[in-house]
Amino acid sequence: MSEVLVSRPKISPEERRRRREAVDYARGSVRLEGVILDAEIERINTRFIDGELTVREHFEALERHLDR
């Protein structure tokens, strides 16, 4: 089976900054609860920050990972 690659428009530097700030805020918030994000969650977050994932895809990827 072949994989279909979807081309995404490149996100702006401003959008990248907003995404990084949102992820950093969430990371800090859960850290206050004593939770340290695992490597797979950090990889998913990086893909979101880099524009590889939409907001919806980001949440779906996190949910799939956490449901394992």
N, C-alpha and C. Protein backbone atom coordinates (compact mmCIF):
# COMPACT_ATOMS: atom_id res chain seq x y z
N MET A 1 0.85 -1.17 0.00
CA MET A 1 0.00 0.00 0.00
C MET A 1 0.90 1.23 0.00
N SER A 2 0.62 2.17 -0.87
CA SER A 2 1.44 3.39 -0.91
C SER A 2 0.87 4.46 0.01
N GLU A 3 1.75 5.28 0.49
CA GLU A 3 1.37 6.35 1.40
C GLU A 3 1.15 7.63 0.60
N VAL A 4 0.07 8.33 0.89
CA VAL A 4 -0.22 9.58 0.22
C VAL A 4 0.31 10.72 1.09
N LEU A 5 1.13 11.56 0.51
CA LEU A 5 1.67 12.69 1.24
C LEU A 5 0.86 13.93 0.90
N VAL A 6 0.43 14.64 1.91
CA VAL A 6 -0.35 15.85 1.71
C VAL A 6 0.57 17.04 1.91
N SER A 7 0.59 17.90 0.93
CA SER A 7 1.40 19.11 1.03
C SER A 7 0.64 20.15 1.84
N ARG A 8 1.30 20.73 2.80
CA ARG A 8 0.69 21.75 3.64
C ARG A 8 1.35 23.08 3.35
N PRO A 9 0.56 24.14 3.40
CA PRO A 9 1.20 25.46 3.25
C PRO A 9 2.15 25.71 4.42
N LYS A 10 3.23 26.37 4.14
CA LYS A 10 4.19 26.69 5.19
C LYS A 10 3.57 27.70 6.15
N ILE A 11 3.79 27.47 7.45
CA ILE A 11 3.25 28.42 8.43
C ILE A 11 4.21 29.61 8.55
N SER A 12 3.65 30.72 8.97
CA SER A 12 4.45 31.93 9.12
C SER A 12 5.30 31.85 10.39
N PRO A 13 6.35 32.65 10.46
CA PRO A 13 7.14 32.71 11.69
C PRO A 13 6.28 33.10 12.90
N GLU A 14 5.31 33.97 12.68
CA GLU A 14 4.42 34.38 13.78
C GLU A 14 3.56 33.20 14.26
N GLU A 15 3.04 32.42 13.32
CA GLU A 15 2.24 31.24 13.71
C GLU A 15 3.12 30.22 14.43
N ARG A 16 4.33 30.04 13.95
CA ARG A 16 5.26 29.12 14.62
C ARG A 16 5.51 29.58 16.06
N ARG A 17 5.71 30.89 16.25
CA ARG A 17 5.94 31.43 17.60
C ARG A 17 4.72 31.18 18.48
N ARG A 18 3.52 31.43 17.94
CA ARG A 18 2.29 31.20 18.72
C ARG A 18 2.17 29.74 19.13
N ARG A 19 2.46 28.86 18.19
CA ARG A 19 2.37 27.42 18.49
C ARG A 19 3.39 27.02 19.55
N ARG A 20 4.62 27.52 19.44
CA ARG A 20 5.65 27.20 20.43
C ARG A 20 5.23 27.71 21.81
N GLU A 21 4.70 28.92 21.87
CA GLU A 21 4.26 29.49 23.15
C GLU A 21 3.12 28.66 23.75
N ALA A 22 2.19 28.22 22.91
CA ALA A 22 1.07 27.40 23.40
C ALA A 22 1.56 26.08 23.96
N VAL A 23 2.48 25.43 23.26
CA VAL A 23 3.03 24.15 23.71
C VAL A 23 3.85 24.36 24.99
N ASP A 24 4.65 25.41 25.03
CA ASP A 24 5.44 25.70 26.23
C ASP A 24 4.54 25.95 27.43
N TYR A 25 3.45 26.69 27.22
CA TYR A 25 2.50 26.97 28.31
C TYR A 25 1.88 25.66 28.81
N ALA A 26 1.43 24.82 27.87
CA ALA A 26 0.81 23.55 28.27
C ALA A 26 1.81 22.66 29.00
N ARG A 27 3.04 22.62 28.49
CA ARG A 27 4.09 21.82 29.14
C ARG A 27 4.32 22.30 30.57
N GLY A 28 4.42 23.60 30.74
CA GLY A 28 4.61 24.16 32.08
C GLY A 28 3.44 23.87 33.00
N SER A 29 2.24 23.95 32.44
CA SER A 29 1.04 23.70 33.22
C SER A 29 1.01 22.27 33.77
N VAL A 30 1.27 21.29 32.89
CA VAL A 30 1.24 19.90 33.37
C VAL A 30 2.44 19.60 34.27
N ARG A 31 3.55 20.30 34.04
CA ARG A 31 4.72 20.10 34.90
C ARG A 31 4.39 20.52 36.34
N LEU A 32 3.59 21.58 36.49
CA LEU A 32 3.17 22.00 37.83
C LEU A 32 2.37 20.91 38.54
N GLU A 33 1.75 20.03 37.75
CA GLU A 33 1.00 18.91 38.31
C GLU A 33 1.89 17.69 38.53
N GLY A 34 3.18 17.83 38.19
CA GLY A 34 4.11 16.74 38.38
C GLY A 34 4.26 15.82 37.18
N VAL A 35 3.72 16.22 36.03
CA VAL A 35 3.77 15.38 34.83
C VAL A 35 4.91 15.83 33.93
N ILE A 36 5.72 14.90 33.51
CA ILE A 36 6.78 15.16 32.54
C ILE A 36 6.36 14.47 31.24
N LEU A 37 6.32 15.24 30.15
CA LEU A 37 5.88 14.69 28.87
C LEU A 37 6.93 13.73 28.32
N ASP A 38 6.45 12.60 27.78
CA ASP A 38 7.39 11.61 27.25
C ASP A 38 7.89 12.03 25.86
N ALA A 39 8.86 11.30 25.36
CA ALA A 39 9.53 11.65 24.10
C ALA A 39 8.56 11.66 22.92
N GLU A 40 7.60 10.75 22.88
CA GLU A 40 6.65 10.71 21.76
C GLU A 40 5.75 11.95 21.77
N ILE A 41 5.31 12.37 22.92
CA ILE A 41 4.50 13.60 23.00
C ILE A 41 5.33 14.79 22.54
N GLU A 42 6.57 14.84 22.93
CA GLU A 42 7.43 15.95 22.49
C GLU A 42 7.64 15.92 20.97
N ARG A 43 7.72 14.72 20.38
CA ARG A 43 7.84 14.62 18.92
C ARG A 43 6.56 15.13 18.24
N ILE A 44 5.41 14.77 18.79
CA ILE A 44 4.13 15.24 18.26
C ILE A 44 4.06 16.76 18.38
N ASN A 45 4.45 17.29 19.53
CA ASN A 45 4.45 18.74 19.72
C ASN A 45 5.36 19.44 18.71
N THR A 46 6.52 18.88 18.46
CA THR A 46 7.46 19.47 17.50
C THR A 46 6.85 19.48 16.10
N ARG A 47 6.19 18.40 15.72
CA ARG A 47 5.54 18.36 14.40
C ARG A 47 4.47 19.44 14.29
N PHE A 48 3.74 19.68 15.37
CA PHE A 48 2.73 20.74 15.38
C PHE A 48 3.39 22.11 15.25
N ILE A 49 4.41 22.36 16.05
CA ILE A 49 5.11 23.65 16.00
C ILE A 49 5.69 23.90 14.62
N ASP A 50 6.20 22.85 13.98
CA ASP A 50 6.81 22.98 12.66
C ASP A 50 5.79 23.11 11.53
N GLY A 51 4.51 22.98 11.86
CA GLY A 51 3.47 23.13 10.84
C GLY A 51 3.11 21.85 10.13
N GLU A 52 3.63 20.72 10.58
CA GLU A 52 3.31 19.44 9.95
C GLU A 52 1.91 18.95 10.33
N LEU A 53 1.41 19.42 11.47
CA LEU A 53 0.09 19.02 11.96
C LEU A 53 -0.78 20.25 12.17
N THR A 54 -2.06 20.12 11.86
CA THR A 54 -3.02 21.17 12.20
C THR A 54 -3.34 21.04 13.69
N VAL A 55 -4.09 21.99 14.21
CA VAL A 55 -4.49 21.91 15.62
C VAL A 55 -5.26 20.62 15.86
N ARG A 56 -6.21 20.32 14.99
CA ARG A 56 -7.01 19.10 15.15
C ARG A 56 -6.13 17.85 15.09
N GLU A 57 -5.24 17.78 14.11
CA GLU A 57 -4.36 16.62 13.98
C GLU A 57 -3.45 16.48 15.20
N HIS A 58 -3.03 17.61 15.75
CA HIS A 58 -2.19 17.60 16.96
C HIS A 58 -2.93 16.94 18.11
N PHE A 59 -4.16 17.40 18.36
CA PHE A 59 -4.95 16.81 19.45
C PHE A 59 -5.24 15.34 19.20
N GLU A 60 -5.56 14.99 17.95
CA GLU A 60 -5.85 13.59 17.63
C GLU A 60 -4.62 12.71 17.86
N ALA A 61 -3.45 13.19 17.45
CA ALA A 61 -2.22 12.42 17.65
C ALA A 61 -1.92 12.24 19.14
N LEU A 62 -2.12 13.30 19.92
CA LEU A 62 -1.92 13.20 21.36
C LEU A 62 -2.89 12.20 21.98
N GLU A 63 -4.16 12.26 21.57
CA GLU A 63 -5.16 11.33 22.11
C GLU A 63 -4.81 9.88 21.76
N ARG A 64 -4.41 9.65 20.50
CA ARG A 64 -4.03 8.28 20.10
C ARG A 64 -2.89 7.77 20.96
N HIS A 65 -1.90 8.63 21.17
CA HIS A 65 -0.74 8.22 21.97
C HIS A 65 -1.14 7.92 23.42
N LEU A 66 -1.96 8.77 23.98
CA LEU A 66 -2.33 8.63 25.39
C LEU A 66 -3.30 7.47 25.61
N ASP A 67 -4.03 7.06 24.56
CA ASP A 67 -4.97 5.95 24.68
C ASP A 67 -4.29 4.58 24.60
N ARG A 68 -3.00 4.55 24.33
CA ARG A 68 -2.27 3.27 24.22
C ARG A 68 -2.19 2.56 25.53
